[in-house]
Protein backbone atom coordinates (compact mmCIF):
# COMPACT_ATOMS: atom_id res chain seq x y z
CA UNK A 1 -109.56 -162.10 -72.16
CA UNK A 2 -110.50 -158.73 -71.62
CA UNK A 3 -112.12 -157.83 -68.16
CA UNK A 4 -114.91 -155.76 -69.90
CA UNK A 5 -115.69 -159.24 -70.85
CA UNK A 6 -116.14 -160.70 -67.35
CA UNK A 7 -117.86 -158.16 -66.39
CA UNK A 8 -120.27 -158.78 -69.11
CA UNK A 9 -120.37 -162.27 -68.27
CA UNK A 10 -121.45 -161.25 -64.41
CA UNK A 11 -124.34 -158.82 -65.58
CA UNK A 12 -125.54 -161.48 -68.10
CA UNK A 13 -125.78 -163.67 -64.71
CA UNK A 14 -127.51 -160.69 -63.09
CA UNK A 15 -130.17 -160.07 -65.60
CA UNK A 16 -130.52 -164.17 -66.00
CA UNK A 17 -130.82 -164.43 -62.22
CA UNK A 18 -133.08 -161.44 -60.96
CA UNK A 19 -136.13 -160.37 -61.59
CA UNK A 20 -136.07 -157.31 -64.18
CA UNK A 21 -138.91 -155.00 -63.04
CA UNK A 22 -137.87 -151.79 -64.00
CA UNK A 23 -140.54 -150.35 -66.61
CA UNK A 24 -138.31 -148.84 -69.04
CA UNK A 25 -136.04 -152.36 -69.32
CA UNK A 26 -136.88 -155.28 -71.11
CA UNK A 27 -134.85 -158.58 -72.92
CA UNK A 28 -134.48 -157.81 -76.72
CA UNK A 29 -134.29 -160.83 -79.49
CA UNK A 30 -131.51 -162.65 -80.30
CA UNK A 31 -131.72 -162.04 -84.07
CA UNK A 32 -131.66 -157.90 -82.45
CA UNK A 33 -128.68 -158.45 -80.75
CA UNK A 34 -126.85 -160.30 -83.35
CA UNK A 35 -128.25 -157.25 -85.84
CA UNK A 36 -126.78 -154.84 -83.46
CA UNK A 37 -123.29 -156.59 -83.15
CA UNK A 38 -123.19 -156.50 -86.56
CA UNK A 39 -120.42 -155.21 -89.13
CA UNK A 40 -123.12 -152.43 -89.62
CA UNK A 41 -121.58 -150.50 -87.16
CA UNK A 42 -118.27 -150.05 -89.41
CA UNK A 43 -120.24 -147.70 -92.28
CA UNK A 44 -120.55 -143.85 -92.06
CA UNK A 45 -123.98 -142.89 -93.60
CA UNK A 46 -124.62 -139.20 -92.82
CA UNK A 47 -127.64 -137.93 -94.37
CA UNK A 48 -130.71 -139.41 -95.65
CA UNK A 49 -131.33 -142.99 -98.12
CA UNK A 50 -130.56 -141.65 -100.87
CA UNK A 51 -129.08 -138.45 -99.85
CA UNK A 52 -126.16 -139.48 -98.40
CA UNK A 53 -122.44 -137.29 -97.74
CA UNK A 54 -120.44 -140.61 -98.13
CA UNK A 55 -120.41 -143.43 -100.66
CA UNK A 56 -120.38 -147.24 -100.51
CA UNK A 57 -124.30 -147.19 -99.37
CA UNK A 58 -126.36 -149.13 -101.16
CA UNK A 59 -127.03 -151.51 -98.71
CA UNK A 60 -127.47 -149.37 -95.17
CA UNK A 61 -129.81 -147.32 -97.55
CA UNK A 62 -131.74 -150.36 -97.91
CA UNK A 63 -131.34 -151.34 -94.23
CA UNK A 64 -132.58 -147.90 -93.16
CA UNK A 65 -135.45 -147.28 -95.54
CA UNK A 66 -136.75 -150.95 -94.84
CA UNK A 67 -136.96 -149.71 -90.75
CA UNK A 68 -138.85 -146.56 -91.87
CA UNK A 69 -141.25 -148.50 -93.89
CA UNK A 70 -141.57 -151.11 -90.92
CA UNK A 71 -142.31 -148.06 -88.33
CA UNK A 72 -145.25 -146.98 -90.26
CA UNK A 73 -146.75 -150.45 -90.60
CA UNK A 74 -146.40 -151.11 -87.07
CA UNK A 75 -148.66 -148.58 -86.44
CA UNK A 76 -150.64 -149.09 -89.52
CA UNK A 77 -150.35 -146.16 -90.93
CA UNK A 78 -149.64 -144.90 -94.67
CA UNK A 79 -146.70 -143.71 -96.70
CA UNK A 80 -148.84 -140.99 -98.18
CA UNK A 81 -150.06 -139.52 -95.01
CA UNK A 82 -146.36 -140.28 -92.71
CA UNK A 83 -143.29 -140.20 -92.56
CA UNK A 84 -140.72 -141.49 -90.18
CA UNK A 85 -137.56 -141.12 -89.30
CA UNK A 86 -135.45 -143.73 -87.74
CA UNK A 87 -131.89 -141.94 -86.65
CA UNK A 88 -132.34 -140.68 -83.34
CA UNK A 89 -129.68 -141.99 -81.21
CA UNK A 90 -132.21 -141.85 -77.97
CA UNK A 91 -135.58 -140.64 -77.02
CA UNK A 92 -133.70 -137.21 -75.46
CA UNK A 93 -132.56 -136.27 -78.94
CA UNK A 94 -135.46 -137.32 -80.98
CA UNK A 95 -137.55 -135.07 -78.53
CA UNK A 96 -134.70 -132.11 -79.08
CA UNK A 97 -135.31 -132.86 -82.75
CA UNK A 98 -138.84 -132.11 -82.61
CA UNK A 99 -137.87 -128.99 -81.01
CA UNK A 100 -135.33 -127.98 -82.99
CA UNK A 101 -137.40 -128.48 -86.15
CA UNK A 102 -140.46 -126.47 -85.15
CA UNK A 103 -139.54 -123.98 -82.48
CA UNK A 104 -138.00 -120.68 -81.85
CA UNK A 105 -135.74 -119.73 -79.15
CA UNK A 106 -138.08 -118.54 -76.35
CA UNK A 107 -141.06 -120.15 -77.79
CA UNK A 108 -143.90 -121.65 -75.43
CA UNK A 109 -143.93 -125.73 -75.00
CA UNK A 110 -146.41 -127.21 -72.02
CA UNK A 111 -145.91 -130.67 -70.64
CA UNK A 112 -146.26 -133.30 -67.98
CA UNK A 113 -145.17 -132.09 -64.51
CA UNK A 114 -141.99 -134.45 -64.17
CA UNK A 115 -142.89 -135.63 -60.29
CA UNK A 116 -146.39 -135.92 -61.50
CA UNK A 117 -144.90 -138.76 -64.14
CA UNK A 118 -143.50 -136.45 -67.18
CA UNK A 119 -139.86 -136.53 -68.26
CA UNK A 120 -136.90 -134.77 -68.40
CA UNK A 121 -136.29 -134.30 -71.97
CA UNK A 122 -140.06 -132.17 -71.81
CA UNK A 123 -138.30 -129.28 -70.60
CA UNK A 124 -137.71 -130.12 -66.40
CA UNK A 125 -137.04 -127.31 -64.31
CA UNK A 126 -137.77 -126.20 -60.60
CA UNK A 127 -140.69 -123.65 -60.16
CA UNK A 128 -139.65 -120.54 -58.65
CA UNK A 129 -140.08 -120.67 -54.58
CA UNK A 130 -139.92 -117.60 -52.63
CA UNK A 131 -136.64 -116.10 -52.80
CA UNK A 132 -135.72 -118.54 -55.06
CA UNK A 133 -135.54 -117.96 -58.89
CA UNK A 134 -136.41 -120.75 -61.30
CA UNK A 135 -133.51 -123.28 -61.78
CA UNK A 136 -133.05 -124.83 -65.32
CA UNK A 137 -132.28 -128.01 -64.87
CA UNK A 138 -132.40 -129.37 -68.39
CA UNK A 139 -131.32 -127.89 -71.96
CA UNK A 140 -134.56 -127.72 -73.28
CA UNK A 141 -135.81 -125.56 -70.06
CA UNK A 142 -132.63 -123.05 -70.88
CA UNK A 143 -133.85 -122.87 -74.54
CA UNK A 144 -137.88 -123.05 -74.25
CA UNK A 145 -140.31 -121.15 -71.95
CA UNK A 146 -141.64 -124.59 -70.32
CA UNK A 147 -145.12 -124.79 -68.43
CA UNK A 148 -146.44 -127.74 -66.77
CA UNK A 149 -149.84 -129.57 -66.35
CA UNK A 150 -150.50 -131.50 -63.12
CA UNK A 151 -152.67 -134.98 -62.70
CA UNK A 152 -156.11 -134.00 -60.32
CA UNK A 153 -154.48 -133.88 -56.57
CA UNK A 154 -157.34 -136.44 -55.37
CA UNK A 155 -157.78 -138.98 -58.50
CA UNK A 156 -154.24 -138.42 -59.71
CA UNK A 157 -155.21 -138.73 -63.12
CA UNK A 158 -155.56 -135.97 -65.68
CA UNK A 159 -158.66 -133.15 -65.63
CA UNK A 160 -158.53 -132.56 -69.08
CA UNK A 161 -160.92 -129.60 -68.78
CA UNK A 162 -158.43 -128.00 -66.32
CA UNK A 163 -155.74 -128.71 -68.86
CA UNK A 164 -157.49 -126.82 -71.36
CA UNK A 165 -158.31 -123.56 -69.45
CA UNK A 166 -154.20 -123.57 -69.04
CA UNK A 167 -153.18 -123.95 -72.38
CA UNK A 168 -155.98 -120.65 -72.67
CA UNK A 169 -153.69 -119.13 -70.22
CA UNK A 170 -150.60 -120.09 -71.40
CA UNK A 171 -151.06 -120.27 -74.91
CA UNK A 172 -148.26 -123.03 -75.81
CA UNK A 173 -146.96 -123.65 -79.38
CA UNK A 174 -146.43 -127.01 -78.50
CA UNK A 175 -148.36 -129.49 -75.76
CA UNK A 176 -146.75 -132.49 -75.24
CA UNK A 177 -148.27 -135.57 -73.60
CA UNK A 178 -146.06 -138.66 -72.44
CA UNK A 179 -144.04 -139.46 -69.73
CA UNK A 180 -142.08 -142.27 -67.33
CA UNK A 181 -144.67 -142.79 -64.44
CA UNK A 182 -148.46 -142.44 -65.76
CA UNK A 183 -150.20 -144.97 -64.96
CA UNK A 184 -153.53 -144.77 -66.67
CA UNK A 185 -154.37 -144.47 -70.74
CA UNK A 186 -154.16 -140.66 -72.30
CA UNK A 187 -157.03 -139.87 -74.28
CA UNK A 188 -154.93 -138.32 -77.27
CA UNK A 189 -158.31 -137.11 -78.82
CA UNK A 190 -158.86 -134.23 -76.15
CA UNK A 191 -155.45 -133.35 -76.20
CA UNK A 192 -155.27 -132.95 -79.44
CA UNK A 193 -158.28 -130.62 -79.72
CA UNK A 194 -156.84 -128.48 -76.76
CA UNK A 195 -153.79 -127.98 -78.99
CA UNK A 196 -155.85 -127.23 -82.17
CA UNK A 197 -158.09 -124.82 -79.40
CA UNK A 198 -155.14 -122.77 -78.90
CA UNK A 199 -153.33 -122.66 -82.33
CA UNK A 200 -150.46 -125.26 -80.99
CA UNK A 201 -148.70 -128.53 -82.03
CA UNK A 202 -149.36 -131.73 -80.37
CA UNK A 203 -146.40 -134.18 -79.71
CA UNK A 204 -147.32 -137.41 -78.22
CA UNK A 205 -144.35 -139.52 -76.49
CA UNK A 206 -144.80 -142.90 -76.38
CA UNK A 207 -141.57 -143.94 -75.00
CA UNK A 208 -143.09 -146.58 -72.72
CA UNK A 209 -146.11 -147.33 -74.75
CA UNK A 210 -145.22 -148.20 -78.44
CA UNK A 211 -144.76 -151.92 -78.32
CA UNK A 212 -148.35 -151.72 -76.47
CA UNK A 213 -149.95 -149.35 -79.13
CA UNK A 214 -148.13 -151.28 -81.87
CA UNK A 215 -150.24 -154.51 -80.62
CA UNK A 216 -153.56 -152.75 -80.29
CA UNK A 217 -154.10 -153.04 -76.39
CA UNK A 218 -153.33 -149.07 -75.90
CA UNK A 219 -155.23 -146.12 -77.31
CA UNK A 220 -153.37 -144.69 -80.23
CA UNK A 221 -152.26 -141.35 -80.48
CA UNK A 222 -151.67 -141.18 -84.71
CA UNK A 223 -155.07 -139.99 -85.67
CA UNK A 224 -154.62 -137.02 -83.53
CA UNK A 225 -151.44 -135.88 -82.78
CA UNK A 226 -149.12 -134.21 -85.29
CA UNK A 227 -145.65 -135.52 -83.97
CA UNK A 228 -145.48 -139.29 -82.23
CA UNK A 229 -141.71 -139.79 -80.77
CA UNK A 230 -140.68 -143.38 -78.87
CA UNK A 231 -137.53 -145.10 -77.81
CA UNK A 232 -137.24 -148.44 -79.40
CA UNK A 233 -136.24 -150.69 -76.44
CA UNK A 234 -139.14 -150.57 -73.71
CA UNK A 235 -142.46 -152.29 -74.56
CA UNK A 236 -140.94 -153.02 -78.20
CA UNK A 237 -138.21 -155.06 -77.10
CA UNK A 238 -135.63 -153.39 -79.88
CA UNK A 239 -132.33 -152.22 -79.07
CA UNK A 240 -131.66 -148.79 -77.86
CA UNK A 241 -132.82 -146.12 -80.35
CA UNK A 242 -135.86 -144.29 -81.25
CA UNK A 243 -137.88 -143.01 -83.76
CA UNK A 244 -139.60 -139.88 -84.85
CA UNK A 245 -143.49 -140.16 -86.91
CA UNK A 246 -144.44 -137.12 -88.07
CA UNK A 247 -147.36 -136.05 -90.92
CA UNK A 248 -145.75 -136.30 -94.43
CA UNK A 249 -145.43 -132.20 -94.58
CA UNK A 250 -143.54 -131.71 -91.66
CA UNK A 251 -141.07 -135.03 -93.05
CA UNK A 252 -138.32 -132.47 -94.56
CA UNK A 253 -138.15 -130.19 -91.09
CA UNK A 254 -137.35 -133.58 -89.27
CA UNK A 255 -134.92 -135.34 -91.47
CA UNK A 256 -133.06 -131.43 -91.40
CA UNK A 257 -133.26 -131.23 -87.77
CA UNK A 258 -131.44 -134.48 -87.01
CA UNK A 259 -128.76 -133.80 -89.87
CA UNK A 260 -127.35 -131.18 -90.27
CA UNK A 261 -129.24 -130.01 -86.88
CA UNK A 262 -128.46 -132.15 -84.12
CA UNK A 263 -126.35 -135.59 -85.42
CA UNK A 264 -123.58 -136.79 -87.78
CA UNK A 265 -124.13 -140.26 -88.84
CA UNK A 266 -126.94 -142.36 -87.79
CA UNK A 267 -125.91 -145.61 -86.20
CA UNK A 268 -126.59 -148.51 -88.36
CA UNK A 269 -126.63 -151.74 -86.49
CA UNK A 270 -129.31 -150.07 -84.24
CA UNK A 271 -131.35 -149.45 -86.89
CA UNK A 272 -131.10 -152.90 -88.25
CA UNK A 273 -132.08 -154.22 -84.92
CA UNK A 274 -135.08 -151.30 -84.74
CA UNK A 275 -136.23 -152.97 -88.26
CA UNK A 276 -136.34 -156.17 -86.74
CA UNK A 277 -138.12 -155.29 -83.67
CA UNK A 278 -140.80 -153.43 -85.49
CA UNK A 279 -141.31 -156.27 -87.89
CA UNK A 280 -142.08 -158.36 -85.01
CA UNK A 281 -144.89 -156.39 -83.44
CA UNK A 282 -147.15 -158.12 -86.87
CA UNK A 283 -147.18 -161.01 -85.18
CA UNK A 284 -149.52 -163.15 -82.94
CA UNK A 285 -147.07 -163.84 -80.97
CA UNK A 286 -145.57 -160.18 -79.70
CA UNK A 287 -149.44 -159.35 -79.91
CA UNK A 288 -150.25 -161.89 -76.91
CA UNK A 289 -147.18 -160.88 -75.40
CA UNK A 290 -148.49 -157.35 -74.88
CA UNK A 291 -151.92 -158.24 -73.92
CA UNK A 292 -150.20 -160.18 -70.96
CA UNK A 293 -147.78 -157.28 -70.14
CA UNK A 294 -150.96 -155.49 -69.23
CA UNK A 295 -152.78 -158.42 -67.63
CA UNK A 296 -149.98 -158.68 -65.19
CA UNK A 297 -149.59 -155.28 -64.23
CA UNK A 298 -152.94 -155.33 -63.31
CA UNK A 299 -152.83 -158.04 -61.12
CA UNK A 300 -150.01 -156.66 -59.99
CA UNK A 301 -151.83 -153.40 -58.67
CA UNK A 302 -154.41 -155.68 -57.53
CA UNK A 303 -152.46 -157.84 -55.21
CA UNK A 304 -150.20 -154.84 -53.81
CA UNK A 305 -154.05 -152.60 -53.35
CA UNK A 306 -155.47 -155.86 -51.92
CA UNK A 307 -152.10 -155.82 -49.31
CA UNK A 308 -152.85 -152.23 -48.04
CA UNK A 309 -150.32 -150.08 -50.31
CA UNK A 310 -150.94 -146.87 -51.79
CA UNK A 311 -151.27 -147.45 -55.36
CA UNK A 312 -151.17 -144.12 -57.74
CA UNK A 313 -154.59 -143.69 -59.19
CA UNK A 314 -155.83 -146.77 -57.78
CA UNK A 315 -154.48 -149.11 -60.82
CA UNK A 316 -153.08 -149.03 -64.30
CA UNK A 317 -154.16 -149.44 -67.69
CA UNK A 318 -150.26 -150.39 -69.26
CA UNK A 319 -147.22 -151.91 -67.70
CA UNK A 320 -146.10 -149.79 -64.77
CA UNK A 321 -147.32 -149.62 -61.24
CA UNK A 322 -146.35 -146.75 -58.88
CA UNK A 323 -146.72 -147.32 -55.15
CA UNK A 324 -146.64 -144.23 -52.37
CA UNK A 325 -144.79 -145.33 -49.80
CA UNK A 326 -145.56 -142.50 -47.51
CA UNK A 327 -148.70 -144.29 -45.76
CA UNK A 328 -145.85 -146.79 -44.66
CA UNK A 329 -143.44 -144.46 -43.52
CA UNK A 330 -140.61 -144.99 -46.05
CA UNK A 331 -139.41 -143.87 -49.52
CA UNK A 332 -138.20 -144.98 -52.62
CA UNK A 333 -134.64 -145.16 -51.45
CA UNK A 334 -134.79 -147.57 -48.85
CA UNK A 335 -137.29 -149.71 -50.73
CA UNK A 336 -135.45 -150.35 -54.07
CA UNK A 337 -132.47 -150.82 -52.16
CA UNK A 338 -134.00 -153.63 -50.12
CA UNK A 339 -135.65 -155.04 -53.50
CA UNK A 340 -132.39 -155.02 -54.69
CA UNK A 341 -130.49 -157.06 -52.52
CA UNK A 342 -133.97 -159.64 -52.54
CA UNK A 343 -133.14 -160.12 -56.40
CA UNK A 344 -136.33 -157.70 -57.45
CA UNK A 345 -134.79 -154.56 -59.74
CA UNK A 346 -137.28 -151.77 -59.40
CA UNK A 347 -136.87 -148.37 -58.90
CA UNK A 348 -137.70 -144.85 -56.84
CA UNK A 349 -139.41 -142.15 -58.40
CA UNK A 350 -141.79 -139.61 -57.65
CA UNK A 351 -144.94 -139.81 -56.80
CA UNK A 352 -148.14 -137.17 -57.66
CA UNK A 353 -148.31 -134.19 -54.27
CA UNK A 354 -144.54 -135.46 -53.77
CA UNK A 355 -143.34 -134.21 -50.77
CA UNK A 356 -139.36 -135.95 -51.42
CA UNK A 357 -137.76 -134.53 -54.11
CA UNK A 358 -136.79 -135.91 -57.46
CA UNK A 359 -133.41 -137.67 -55.82
CA UNK A 360 -134.95 -138.51 -52.85
CA UNK A 361 -138.59 -139.36 -54.06
CA UNK A 362 -141.57 -140.95 -51.92
CA UNK A 363 -142.17 -143.67 -54.73
CA UNK A 364 -141.68 -146.93 -56.17
CA UNK A 365 -142.23 -147.39 -60.17
CA UNK A 366 -141.97 -151.27 -60.91
CA UNK A 367 -143.59 -152.87 -63.82
CA UNK A 368 -144.35 -156.19 -65.92
CA UNK A 369 -142.38 -155.86 -69.74
CA UNK A 370 -139.39 -157.85 -68.97
CA UNK A 371 -140.69 -160.68 -66.62
CA UNK A 372 -143.28 -160.64 -69.31
CA UNK A 373 -141.07 -161.84 -72.00
CA UNK A 374 -139.72 -164.42 -69.90
CA UNK A 375 -142.91 -166.12 -69.46
CA UNK A 376 -144.57 -165.44 -66.12
CA UNK A 377 -147.97 -164.82 -65.88
CA UNK A 378 -151.04 -164.18 -63.41
CA UNK A 379 -149.84 -167.00 -60.74
CA UNK A 380 -145.89 -165.57 -60.77
CA UNK A 381 -146.94 -161.82 -60.56
CA UNK A 382 -149.22 -163.08 -57.32
CA UNK A 383 -145.85 -164.65 -56.13
CA UNK A 384 -143.88 -161.80 -56.68
CA UNK A 385 -146.27 -159.29 -54.84
CA UNK A 386 -145.74 -160.89 -51.78
CA UNK A 387 -142.16 -160.55 -51.85
CA UNK A 388 -142.60 -156.71 -52.82
CA UNK A 389 -144.72 -156.94 -50.01
CA UNK A 390 -142.57 -158.44 -47.35
CA UNK A 391 -139.32 -156.73 -48.52
CA UNK A 392 -141.23 -153.62 -47.86
CA UNK A 393 -142.74 -154.41 -44.53
CA UNK A 394 -139.36 -155.32 -43.47
CA UNK A 395 -137.17 -152.36 -44.55
CA UNK A 396 -139.60 -149.82 -43.68
CA UNK A 397 -138.22 -148.98 -40.29
CA UNK A 398 -134.92 -147.90 -41.41
CA UNK A 399 -135.97 -143.98 -41.30
CA UNK A 400 -134.07 -141.81 -43.93
CA UNK A 401 -132.83 -138.60 -42.07
CA UNK A 402 -134.33 -135.51 -42.81
CA UNK A 403 -130.89 -133.43 -43.04
CA UNK A 404 -129.75 -133.69 -46.56
CA UNK A 405 -126.70 -133.78 -45.17
CA UNK A 406 -126.93 -136.78 -43.10
CA UNK A 407 -128.41 -138.92 -45.89
CA UNK A 408 -125.47 -140.55 -47.63
CA UNK A 409 -124.07 -141.53 -44.78
CA UNK A 410 -127.47 -143.05 -43.50
CA UNK A 411 -127.45 -144.82 -47.08
CA UNK A 412 -124.51 -146.29 -46.87
CA UNK A 413 -124.94 -147.93 -43.80
CA UNK A 414 -128.30 -149.16 -44.93
CA UNK A 415 -126.84 -150.76 -47.40
CA UNK A 416 -123.95 -152.12 -45.37
CA UNK A 417 -126.41 -153.48 -43.17
CA UNK A 418 -128.81 -155.22 -45.87
CA UNK A 419 -125.97 -156.53 -47.79
CA UNK A 420 -125.95 -159.55 -45.24
CA UNK A 421 -129.51 -159.24 -44.24
CA UNK A 422 -130.64 -163.18 -44.42
CA UNK A 423 -134.22 -162.24 -44.71
CA UNK A 424 -133.81 -160.71 -47.63
CA UNK A 425 -131.46 -162.57 -49.42
CA UNK A 426 -133.66 -165.82 -48.72
CA UNK A 427 -135.96 -164.25 -50.97
CA UNK A 428 -132.91 -163.98 -53.35
CA UNK A 429 -132.59 -167.75 -53.42
CA UNK A 430 -136.48 -167.92 -53.98
CA UNK A 431 -136.59 -165.14 -56.53
CA UNK A 432 -133.33 -167.09 -58.28
CA UNK A 433 -135.21 -170.33 -58.09
CA UNK A 434 -138.34 -168.87 -60.21
CA UNK A 435 -135.91 -167.28 -62.35
CA UNK A 436 -134.40 -170.47 -63.35
CA UNK A 437 -137.95 -171.78 -64.41
CA UNK A 438 -138.15 -168.83 -66.60
CA UNK A 439 -135.07 -168.72 -68.72
CA UNK A 440 -133.92 -165.37 -70.69
CA UNK A 441 -134.62 -165.57 -74.42
């Protein structure tokens, strides 16, 4: 047997025996895995359904068209007013396709500041500092003139009046909402009004919330946004991929931006899996699941607050919780690695007003989609919150040096020490016992 299959088996065991609590990860459906691993991966189908550059597309045209239709149905949208493109290979490419379709080089974009919860694909760049020029980190920032809005430093949520004033000053051509670590629901109506007031297009990136919005447990951007993008593997429980939904009169520009603008052939096997996941959003089971995801996240936040943790914005409206670890004298690297040894998989993350850097951030991001998929509810969440707290208290005295050159050697030594830590391994055994009661679907 090829070693790859041995590694897959080991990864399967890891996913089965640990708590998957990175908010952007989830377990998909068995039928989605069958579709993604099907013979559809053999087919090239450059172009759009009915307008291909290759022959032999009778059935894959139907697959893609069905997926497009299901994307609209999932969000209660009319084919007369909206159009879906299901070809983007990832969320980053979906967003890039939007910029390519509607912006010219140098046009202004206004998006959320990454350390406050924004996303790289929205044009992250390091702001200029005294004596140091602006550092263009992403391709988007090299092509477009990207400006950022922030959360309020006290409330850690959006102040829409300040965002409106900033928009009037900047006069962007495109305003973007959405990100990876903003814990509150977004007022899409207000953001749309802000965009319209300065003549900008409004794009809502709902990569994280798509499944929750489709289930009706979070606000929908569709009454207000011109463009909506989302990935399909997070709360939607689909395979890796992305979707762009735009108003009907904008659809042709998006189609041409994808191909020939950015991509060649679409991944029909992934599109088939996306179609299955989209159909499942219409079931009562999925709607109940989405409601429980948020309920679990709220309880997790409440439990951590009770235990004295600085939860950003004081709680959550969605599937993720963000913890500022500075009040505990530690950071995201130390805690995330400690949790991993204990069988709890979360990720280090920036927090508002972070005194660290994106690579050495002060926060921890933790979420509930995957453990809810396994069937865990309030009782289990309280147990997990206890474990998280115990791990943080156990590792917080490991102090990362302020000197960047010393950090790598510290992390190596720290990892070697906690790999054999009996306390953390003891929690890992408890985690494994819990996981056995809630099998991966």
